[in-house]
Amino acid sequence: PPLPDPLPKLPALRRPADDRPRLPALTSAETRSTTTATLTAMTTPTTDLTSFRPPKRKSPAPYRFPRVRGMPRPRSAKADLSNSRASAQDGGHDTGTTAAQPPPRRVRRYALTYDPDTEVLVTAGATEAIAAALLALLEPGDEVVALEPYYDSYAACIAMAGATRVPVTLHPEPSTGTYRLDLGELRAAVTPRTRLLLLNTPHNPTGTVLTREELAAIAELACERDLLVVTDEVYEHLVFEGEHLPLAGFPGMRERTVTISSAGKTFSFTGWKVGWVTASPELVTAVRSAKQYLTYVASGPFQYAVAEALSLPDSYFDALRADLRTKRDLLSGGLAEAGFDVYRPAGTYFVTTDIRPLDSSGDGFAFCRSLPERCGVVAVPNAVFYDHREQGAPFVRFAFCKRTEVLEEAVSRLKGL
């Protein structure tokens, strides 16, 4: 809209002590002309962006993160570049394209098939998929049962939907060094107001992988109580013991399950933000209705690269697991030698430890704040992932998605505590 004429007067500004000359004030007409010219200049391309290449810059050493395994070198850089340019020109796709579809690996590995046009939705990472699913499927006053501890975005997304989260806590078992789901507690948490179960397996931060028996019991409960289920399966290819089984593959679950995954964890491309939802047409339509007001489409050029990655042979995924299993054992063994009680994960790339053998206060927050100064290693207090903070207080999480030499150095430092 046009600027008002005359323009409202601003309070007089105090002239600086050095009495430097100032430019003459603009009239209202001159102001409008200058504003229009400025905005036009800002929105007019000054160069051919297709030929633009950013200058190479070397990151300062103090801020360089340790590199970890990523996707193998593309088989055809020229073809990939061509696909990326084509995607950039057509704006990308929220349903994916024939060339950029996440599901083929799910067909090959889990015998699950999805229609790419009606049962797949590409999102800006799994976090957006979680947000869109919860905003779409929940109403104010609904209850959501989630396994505690849980990824921090769950609480925020449930709150944005006006729903109430009901945590069911995974219990640590020191005798086995694992976490356990109490199916009786899960069943007791479901009430007439429960709308949805929110599951994460393999589970962050505990590394728990739900078993076939546990998933079958969850599927039975969902069907019995007519519940929707949202499953966060971003660590599906990072399983070291047991096996990952999508809940959607159990009887009666395909039509009531929204399955979420992403490329970030499997290919070390978390910054690309390519996630996806697979579900029935009715559920995908609902999730898309919410997603389009978060981002209409994202990561267009990267969708083709991720489709290429998902078509990699099983040998890539086997090598990824073997590499991370070795690193898990290295860090877990080192933490145990340093004096921690260690909960060795069956999946993900996180290790949970109990600090009480080293710190009788059991204050994970204080321990993690002091750790960088004491030995130059960083950990995360698990209590931030709990509603019941006291249950997570003595536990802290370490990550092993690092170079082997970095993990060896970390273990050496931790042994000096």
Protein backbone atom coordinates (compact mmCIF):
# COMPACT_ATOMS: atom_id res chain seq x y z
CA PRO A 1 0.00 0.00 0.00
CA PRO A 2 1.16 3.60 -0.59
CA LEU A 3 2.90 5.43 2.23
CA PRO A 4 0.77 8.05 4.02
CA ASP A 5 1.22 11.63 2.88
CA PRO A 6 2.31 13.52 4.83
CA LEU A 7 4.48 10.97 6.64
CA PRO A 8 4.15 10.95 10.43
CA LYS A 9 6.88 12.92 12.13
CA LEU A 10 9.46 11.04 14.14
CA PRO A 11 10.84 12.40 17.42
CA ALA A 12 13.75 14.76 16.90
CA LEU A 13 17.14 13.06 17.24
CA ARG A 14 19.96 14.65 19.23
CA ARG A 15 22.75 15.89 16.96
CA PRO A 16 26.11 14.31 17.80
CA ALA A 17 28.70 16.41 19.56
CA ASP A 18 31.01 16.45 16.52
CA ASP A 19 28.31 18.34 14.56
CA ARG A 20 28.92 16.26 11.42
CA PRO A 21 26.79 17.26 8.41
CA ARG A 22 23.74 15.15 7.71
CA LEU A 23 22.01 14.39 4.40
CA PRO A 24 18.99 16.59 3.73
CA ALA A 25 15.64 15.13 4.72
CA LEU A 26 13.59 13.52 1.95
CA THR A 27 10.09 14.63 1.06
CA SER A 28 7.23 12.15 1.15
CA ALA A 29 7.34 11.67 -2.63
CA GLU A 30 11.10 11.21 -2.57
CA THR A 31 10.77 8.68 0.25
CA ARG A 32 8.26 6.62 -1.75
CA SER A 33 10.48 6.77 -4.84
CA THR A 34 13.59 5.76 -2.90
CA THR A 35 11.80 2.87 -1.14
CA THR A 36 10.44 1.52 -4.43
CA ALA A 37 13.83 1.75 -6.09
CA THR A 38 15.51 -0.01 -3.16
CA LEU A 39 13.01 -2.89 -3.09
CA THR A 40 13.26 -3.26 -6.86
CA ALA A 41 17.04 -3.43 -6.68
CA MET A 42 16.85 -6.03 -3.89
CA THR A 43 14.55 -8.31 -5.87
CA THR A 44 16.16 -7.96 -9.30
CA PRO A 45 18.73 -10.68 -10.13
CA THR A 46 22.13 -9.18 -10.84
CA THR A 47 23.74 -12.32 -12.22
CA ASP A 48 22.96 -15.70 -13.72
CA LEU A 49 22.55 -17.83 -10.60
CA THR A 50 22.92 -21.08 -12.55
CA SER A 51 26.60 -20.29 -13.03
CA PHE A 52 27.18 -19.01 -9.50
CA ARG A 53 29.68 -20.91 -7.37
CA PRO A 54 30.30 -19.89 -3.76
CA PRO A 55 33.92 -19.24 -2.85
CA LYS A 56 35.74 -22.04 -1.11
CA ARG A 57 36.21 -21.27 2.56
CA LYS A 58 38.11 -23.21 5.14
CA SER A 59 36.34 -23.60 8.45
CA PRO A 60 38.31 -22.39 11.49
CA ALA A 61 39.85 -25.35 13.27
CA PRO A 62 38.09 -24.78 16.65
CA TYR A 63 34.65 -25.16 15.04
CA ARG A 64 35.29 -28.08 12.71
CA PHE A 65 33.21 -31.12 13.60
CA PRO A 66 34.75 -34.57 13.28
CA ARG A 67 33.79 -36.08 9.95
CA VAL A 68 31.95 -39.38 9.95
CA ARG A 69 30.78 -41.87 7.38
CA GLY A 70 28.63 -40.39 4.62
CA MET A 71 27.10 -41.60 1.39
CA PRO A 72 29.54 -43.09 -1.13
CA ARG A 73 30.67 -40.98 -4.08
CA PRO A 74 27.83 -40.62 -6.62
CA ARG A 75 28.12 -42.94 -9.58
CA SER A 76 27.52 -40.11 -12.04
CA ALA A 77 28.13 -36.56 -10.87
CA LYS A 78 26.95 -35.20 -14.22
CA ALA A 79 23.63 -37.05 -14.00
CA ASP A 80 23.13 -35.99 -10.39
CA LEU A 81 23.76 -32.35 -11.29
CA SER A 82 21.30 -32.59 -14.15
CA ASN A 83 18.64 -34.07 -11.87
CA SER A 84 19.23 -31.42 -9.22
CA ARG A 85 18.90 -28.62 -11.77
CA ALA A 86 15.71 -30.15 -13.11
CA SER A 87 14.30 -30.35 -9.60
CA ALA A 88 15.28 -26.75 -8.89
CA GLN A 89 13.46 -25.65 -12.04
CA ASP A 90 10.23 -27.47 -11.19
CA GLY A 91 10.39 -26.44 -7.52
CA GLY A 92 10.78 -29.89 -6.01
CA HIS A 93 7.93 -32.10 -4.86
CA ASP A 94 6.19 -32.81 -1.59
CA THR A 95 5.09 -36.20 -2.91
CA GLY A 96 8.42 -36.91 -4.59
CA THR A 97 8.83 -37.76 -8.24
CA THR A 98 9.29 -41.00 -10.11
CA ALA A 99 13.05 -40.40 -9.83
CA ALA A 100 12.97 -39.36 -6.18
CA GLN A 101 10.99 -41.80 -4.08
CA PRO A 102 11.93 -42.99 -0.57
CA PRO A 103 9.79 -46.19 -0.45
CA PRO A 104 11.68 -48.63 -2.75
CA ARG A 105 14.01 -49.70 0.06
CA ARG A 106 11.00 -50.26 2.33
CA VAL A 107 9.61 -52.58 -0.35
CA ARG A 108 12.89 -54.48 -0.62
CA ARG A 109 13.60 -54.71 3.10
CA TYR A 110 10.18 -54.85 4.77
CA ALA A 111 7.83 -56.07 1.98
CA LEU A 112 5.77 -52.89 2.45
CA THR A 113 4.41 -51.20 -0.67
CA TYR A 114 3.13 -47.63 -0.97
CA ASP A 115 1.60 -45.71 -3.85
CA PRO A 116 4.10 -42.89 -4.57
CA ASP A 117 1.32 -40.52 -5.66
CA THR A 118 -1.05 -40.92 -2.71
CA GLU A 119 0.81 -42.64 0.14
CA VAL A 120 4.15 -40.80 0.31
CA LEU A 121 4.86 -37.28 1.54
CA VAL A 122 8.36 -35.74 1.46
CA THR A 123 9.08 -33.34 4.34
CA ALA A 124 11.78 -30.99 5.60
CA GLY A 125 13.37 -33.71 7.69
CA ALA A 126 11.65 -36.07 10.09
CA THR A 127 11.10 -33.25 12.59
CA GLU A 128 8.69 -31.50 10.23
CA ALA A 129 7.00 -34.82 9.52
CA ILE A 130 6.40 -35.29 13.25
CA ALA A 131 5.06 -31.75 13.60
CA ALA A 132 2.75 -32.05 10.60
CA ALA A 133 1.44 -35.45 11.68
CA LEU A 134 0.62 -34.33 15.21
CA LEU A 135 -0.92 -31.03 14.10
CA ALA A 136 -3.04 -32.88 11.54
CA LEU A 137 -4.26 -35.77 13.66
CA LEU A 138 -4.77 -34.24 17.10
CA GLU A 139 -7.47 -31.99 18.51
CA PRO A 140 -7.28 -29.92 21.71
CA GLY A 141 -7.87 -32.17 24.68
CA ASP A 142 -6.65 -35.35 23.00
CA GLU A 143 -4.06 -37.44 24.82
CA VAL A 144 -0.85 -38.74 23.25
CA VAL A 145 0.98 -41.66 24.83
CA ALA A 146 4.73 -41.43 24.20
CA LEU A 147 7.68 -43.48 25.41
CA GLU A 148 9.81 -41.55 27.89
CA PRO A 149 12.58 -40.36 27.55
CA TYR A 150 11.76 -38.89 24.17
CA TYR A 151 13.09 -36.62 21.44
CA ASP A 152 12.53 -33.05 22.58
CA SER A 153 10.38 -31.95 19.62
CA TYR A 154 7.62 -34.38 20.64
CA ALA A 155 6.60 -32.29 23.64
CA ALA A 156 6.62 -29.06 21.63
CA CYS A 157 4.55 -30.50 18.77
CA ILE A 158 1.99 -32.07 21.10
CA ALA A 159 1.65 -28.74 22.90
CA MET A 160 1.20 -26.84 19.61
CA ALA A 161 -1.66 -29.19 18.75
CA GLY A 162 -3.32 -28.42 22.07
CA ALA A 163 -3.08 -32.06 23.16
CA THR A 164 -1.76 -33.61 26.36
CA ARG A 165 1.23 -35.93 26.48
CA VAL A 166 1.10 -38.99 28.68
CA PRO A 167 4.59 -40.47 29.19
CA VAL A 168 5.24 -44.16 29.64
CA THR A 169 8.75 -44.54 31.00
CA LEU A 170 11.30 -47.02 29.67
CA HIS A 171 12.95 -48.53 32.74
CA PRO A 172 16.72 -49.11 33.01
CA GLU A 173 17.75 -52.60 34.05
CA PRO A 174 21.31 -52.51 35.45
CA SER A 175 21.61 -56.30 35.42
CA THR A 176 21.29 -56.42 31.62
CA GLY A 177 22.49 -52.93 30.75
CA THR A 178 19.31 -52.29 28.75
CA TYR A 179 16.02 -50.41 28.96
CA ARG A 180 12.65 -52.19 29.11
CA LEU A 181 9.11 -51.24 28.10
CA ASP A 182 6.43 -52.29 30.62
CA LEU A 183 3.48 -53.27 28.41
CA GLY A 184 1.16 -53.20 31.42
CA GLU A 185 2.04 -49.55 32.06
CA LEU A 186 1.48 -48.78 28.39
CA ARG A 187 -1.98 -50.33 28.44
CA ALA A 188 -2.86 -48.54 31.69
CA ALA A 189 -1.87 -45.18 30.17
CA VAL A 190 -4.54 -45.44 27.48
CA THR A 191 -7.80 -43.71 28.45
CA PRO A 192 -11.00 -42.80 26.57
CA ARG A 193 -9.28 -39.50 25.65
CA THR A 194 -6.24 -41.19 24.09
CA ARG A 195 -6.11 -40.45 20.37
CA LEU A 196 -2.61 -41.48 19.36
CA LEU A 197 0.47 -43.49 20.30
CA LEU A 198 3.81 -41.87 19.46
CA LEU A 199 6.59 -44.45 19.19
CA ASN A 200 10.30 -44.16 18.47
CA THR A 201 12.19 -47.34 17.61
CA PRO A 202 15.15 -47.63 17.49
CA HIS A 203 14.85 -45.30 20.44
CA ASN A 204 16.71 -42.06 21.14
CA PRO A 205 18.30 -41.66 23.70
CA THR A 206 18.24 -45.17 25.21
CA GLY A 207 19.12 -47.19 22.09
CA THR A 208 16.23 -49.59 22.75
CA VAL A 209 14.90 -51.56 19.77
CA LEU A 210 11.34 -52.79 20.39
CA THR A 211 11.02 -56.53 19.86
CA ARG A 212 8.54 -58.37 17.66
CA GLU A 213 6.57 -59.40 20.76
CA GLU A 214 6.41 -55.83 22.08
CA LEU A 215 5.33 -54.46 18.71
CA ALA A 216 2.68 -57.15 18.35
CA ALA A 217 1.26 -56.19 21.77
CA ILE A 218 1.27 -52.50 20.79
CA ALA A 219 -0.52 -53.32 17.51
CA GLU A 220 -3.14 -55.34 19.40
CA LEU A 221 -3.71 -52.44 21.82
CA ALA A 222 -4.01 -49.90 18.99
CA CYS A 223 -6.58 -52.01 17.14
CA GLU A 224 -8.52 -52.81 20.30
CA ARG A 225 -8.77 -49.14 21.36
CA ASP A 226 -9.01 -47.75 17.80
CA LEU A 227 -5.87 -45.62 18.14
CA LEU A 228 -3.73 -43.94 15.52
CA VAL A 229 0.02 -44.52 15.76
CA VAL A 230 2.87 -42.27 14.62
CA THR A 231 6.19 -44.11 14.44
CA ASP A 232 9.53 -42.29 14.31
CA GLU A 233 11.90 -44.74 12.60
CA VAL A 234 14.80 -42.48 11.61
CA TYR A 235 17.36 -44.91 13.08
CA GLU A 236 15.88 -47.91 11.23
CA HIS A 237 19.20 -48.84 9.56
CA LEU A 238 21.28 -48.40 12.72
CA VAL A 239 20.41 -51.64 14.54
CA PHE A 240 23.15 -53.79 16.08
CA GLU A 241 21.15 -56.37 18.03
CA GLY A 242 17.75 -57.70 17.11
CA GLU A 243 15.95 -56.32 14.07
CA HIS A 244 13.96 -53.28 13.11
CA LEU A 245 10.33 -54.09 12.29
CA PRO A 246 7.98 -51.33 11.06
CA LEU A 247 4.76 -51.33 13.07
CA ALA A 248 2.84 -50.75 9.83
CA GLY A 249 3.69 -54.29 8.81
CA PHE A 250 1.68 -55.86 11.66
CA PRO A 251 -1.93 -57.02 11.16
CA GLY A 252 -4.44 -54.18 11.20
CA MET A 253 -1.77 -51.47 11.45
CA ARG A 254 -1.13 -50.24 7.92
CA GLU A 255 -4.32 -48.17 7.77
CA ARG A 256 -3.78 -46.59 11.21
CA THR A 257 -0.01 -45.98 11.21
CA VAL A 258 1.92 -42.93 10.02
CA THR A 259 5.51 -44.08 9.48
CA ILE A 260 8.25 -41.41 9.53
CA SER A 261 11.87 -41.73 8.49
CA SER A 262 14.63 -39.64 6.93
CA ALA A 263 17.99 -39.66 5.19
CA GLY A 264 19.87 -37.72 7.85
CA LYS A 265 20.98 -40.50 10.18
CA THR A 266 21.57 -43.20 7.57
CA PHE A 267 23.69 -41.09 5.22
CA SER A 268 25.14 -38.48 7.62
CA PHE A 269 23.26 -35.73 5.76
CA THR A 270 21.29 -34.19 8.62
CA GLY A 271 21.64 -30.72 7.10
CA TRP A 272 19.90 -31.74 3.90
CA LYS A 273 16.56 -32.06 5.75
CA VAL A 274 14.96 -34.77 3.65
CA GLY A 275 12.37 -36.79 5.54
CA TRP A 276 9.23 -38.62 4.54
CA VAL A 277 5.88 -39.94 5.66
CA THR A 278 4.34 -43.18 4.42
CA ALA A 279 0.74 -43.98 5.27
CA SER A 280 -2.70 -44.62 3.81
CA PRO A 281 -4.04 -41.98 1.36
CA GLU A 282 -6.42 -40.62 4.00
CA LEU A 283 -3.67 -40.13 6.58
CA VAL A 284 -1.19 -38.68 4.07
CA THR A 285 -3.85 -36.20 2.89
CA ALA A 286 -4.42 -35.10 6.48
CA VAL A 287 -0.70 -34.72 7.19
CA ARG A 288 -0.15 -32.81 3.94
CA SER A 289 -2.94 -30.41 4.87
CA ALA A 290 -0.93 -29.37 7.93
CA LYS A 291 2.51 -29.67 6.33
CA GLN A 292 1.74 -27.21 3.52
CA TYR A 293 1.51 -24.41 6.10
CA LEU A 294 4.87 -25.34 7.63
CA THR A 295 6.86 -25.56 4.40
CA TYR A 296 5.12 -26.08 1.09
CA VAL A 297 8.07 -28.02 -0.30
CA ALA A 298 11.69 -28.37 0.76
CA SER A 299 15.01 -29.86 -0.30
CA GLY A 300 14.00 -30.26 -3.95
CA PRO A 301 17.48 -30.84 -5.41
CA PHE A 302 18.41 -33.18 -2.56
CA GLN A 303 15.44 -35.48 -3.14
CA TYR A 304 17.14 -36.95 -6.21
CA ALA A 305 20.38 -37.60 -4.34
CA VAL A 306 18.49 -39.27 -1.48
CA ALA A 307 16.59 -41.46 -3.97
CA GLU A 308 19.97 -42.50 -5.38
CA ALA A 309 21.22 -43.24 -1.86
CA LEU A 310 18.19 -45.35 -0.98
CA SER A 311 18.87 -47.45 -4.06
CA LEU A 312 22.34 -48.38 -2.82
CA PRO A 313 22.96 -52.11 -2.38
CA ASP A 314 22.56 -53.77 0.99
CA SER A 315 26.34 -53.85 1.31
CA TYR A 316 26.34 -50.11 2.08
CA PHE A 317 23.86 -50.48 4.94
CA ASP A 318 25.67 -53.55 6.25
CA ALA A 319 28.98 -51.67 6.25
CA LEU A 320 27.37 -48.70 8.00
CA ARG A 321 26.07 -50.93 10.79
CA ALA A 322 29.38 -52.75 11.14
CA ASP A 323 31.29 -49.48 11.38
CA LEU A 324 28.95 -48.04 14.01
CA ARG A 325 28.85 -51.31 15.95
CA THR A 326 32.64 -51.19 16.27
CA LYS A 327 32.47 -47.58 17.43
CA ARG A 328 29.70 -48.42 19.88
CA ASP A 329 31.82 -51.15 21.41
CA LEU A 330 34.85 -48.86 21.57
CA LEU A 331 33.01 -46.08 23.39
CA SER A 332 30.91 -48.38 25.58
CA GLY A 333 33.98 -50.32 26.69
CA GLY A 334 35.92 -47.14 27.38
CA LEU A 335 33.08 -45.65 29.42
CA ALA A 336 32.86 -48.82 31.50
CA GLU A 337 36.62 -48.73 32.12
CA ALA A 338 36.28 -45.08 33.15
CA GLY A 339 33.83 -46.12 35.87
CA PHE A 340 30.39 -45.45 34.36
CA ASP A 341 27.54 -47.94 34.44
CA VAL A 342 26.87 -48.39 30.72
CA TYR A 343 23.61 -49.20 28.94
CA ARG A 344 24.86 -50.63 25.66
CA PRO A 345 22.44 -49.63 22.88
CA ALA A 346 20.87 -52.12 20.50
CA GLY A 347 20.41 -49.32 17.98
CA THR A 348 21.00 -45.59 17.18
CA TYR A 349 24.43 -44.02 17.76
CA PHE A 350 24.00 -42.99 21.41
CA VAL A 351 25.20 -44.60 24.65
CA THR A 352 23.42 -43.90 27.93
CA THR A 353 25.45 -44.10 31.14
CA ASP A 354 24.73 -43.84 34.86
CA ILE A 355 27.12 -41.36 36.49
CA ARG A 356 26.51 -42.38 40.10
CA PRO A 357 29.59 -44.63 40.38
CA LEU A 358 31.63 -41.48 39.64
CA ASP A 359 29.36 -38.82 41.15
CA SER A 360 27.26 -39.80 44.15
CA SER A 361 25.04 -36.72 43.76
CA GLY A 362 23.55 -38.19 40.58
CA ASP A 363 23.08 -34.71 39.15
CA GLY A 364 23.43 -35.20 35.38
CA PHE A 365 23.05 -31.50 34.64
CA ALA A 366 25.92 -30.48 36.91
CA PHE A 367 28.05 -33.37 35.68
CA CYS A 368 27.58 -32.42 32.01
CA ARG A 369 28.26 -28.74 32.70
CA SER A 370 31.56 -29.58 34.39
CA LEU A 371 32.71 -32.29 31.97
CA PRO A 372 34.15 -30.02 29.21
CA GLU A 373 36.31 -28.18 31.73
CA ARG A 374 37.39 -31.36 33.50
CA CYS A 375 38.43 -33.39 30.46
CA GLY A 376 37.31 -31.68 27.23
CA VAL A 377 34.47 -34.12 26.49
CA VAL A 378 30.79 -33.22 26.07
CA ALA A 379 27.71 -35.24 27.06
CA VAL A 380 23.97 -34.52 27.27
CA PRO A 381 21.95 -34.97 30.49
CA ASN A 382 19.13 -37.42 29.77
CA ALA A 383 16.83 -35.58 32.16
CA VAL A 384 16.07 -33.06 29.41
CA PHE A 385 14.18 -35.86 27.62
CA TYR A 386 11.90 -36.64 30.57
CA ASP A 387 8.69 -35.26 32.01
CA HIS A 388 9.65 -37.09 35.20
CA ARG A 389 13.03 -35.37 35.49
CA GLU A 390 14.00 -37.26 38.62
CA GLN A 391 13.93 -40.57 36.74
CA GLY A 392 16.46 -39.32 34.22
CA ALA A 393 18.60 -37.31 36.66
CA PRO A 394 21.65 -39.65 36.97
CA PHE A 395 21.87 -40.60 33.30
CA VAL A 396 23.87 -38.88 30.56
CA ARG A 397 24.17 -39.58 26.84
CA PHE A 398 27.31 -39.85 24.71
CA ALA A 399 27.43 -40.08 20.89
CA PHE A 400 29.71 -42.41 18.91
CA CYS A 401 29.01 -41.13 15.37
CA LYS A 402 32.60 -39.82 15.28
CA ARG A 403 35.94 -40.75 13.79
CA THR A 404 37.66 -43.65 15.55
CA GLU A 405 40.60 -41.48 16.64
CA VAL A 406 38.21 -38.97 18.21
CA LEU A 407 36.50 -41.72 20.20
CA GLU A 408 39.85 -43.12 21.32
CA GLU A 409 40.94 -39.70 22.53
CA ALA A 410 37.62 -39.18 24.34
CA VAL A 411 37.96 -42.53 26.10
CA SER A 412 41.49 -41.69 27.16
CA ARG A 413 40.36 -38.38 28.63
CA LEU A 414 37.35 -39.87 30.41
CA LYS A 415 39.55 -42.44 32.15
CA GLY A 416 41.21 -39.54 33.93
CA LEU A 417 38.04 -38.52 35.79
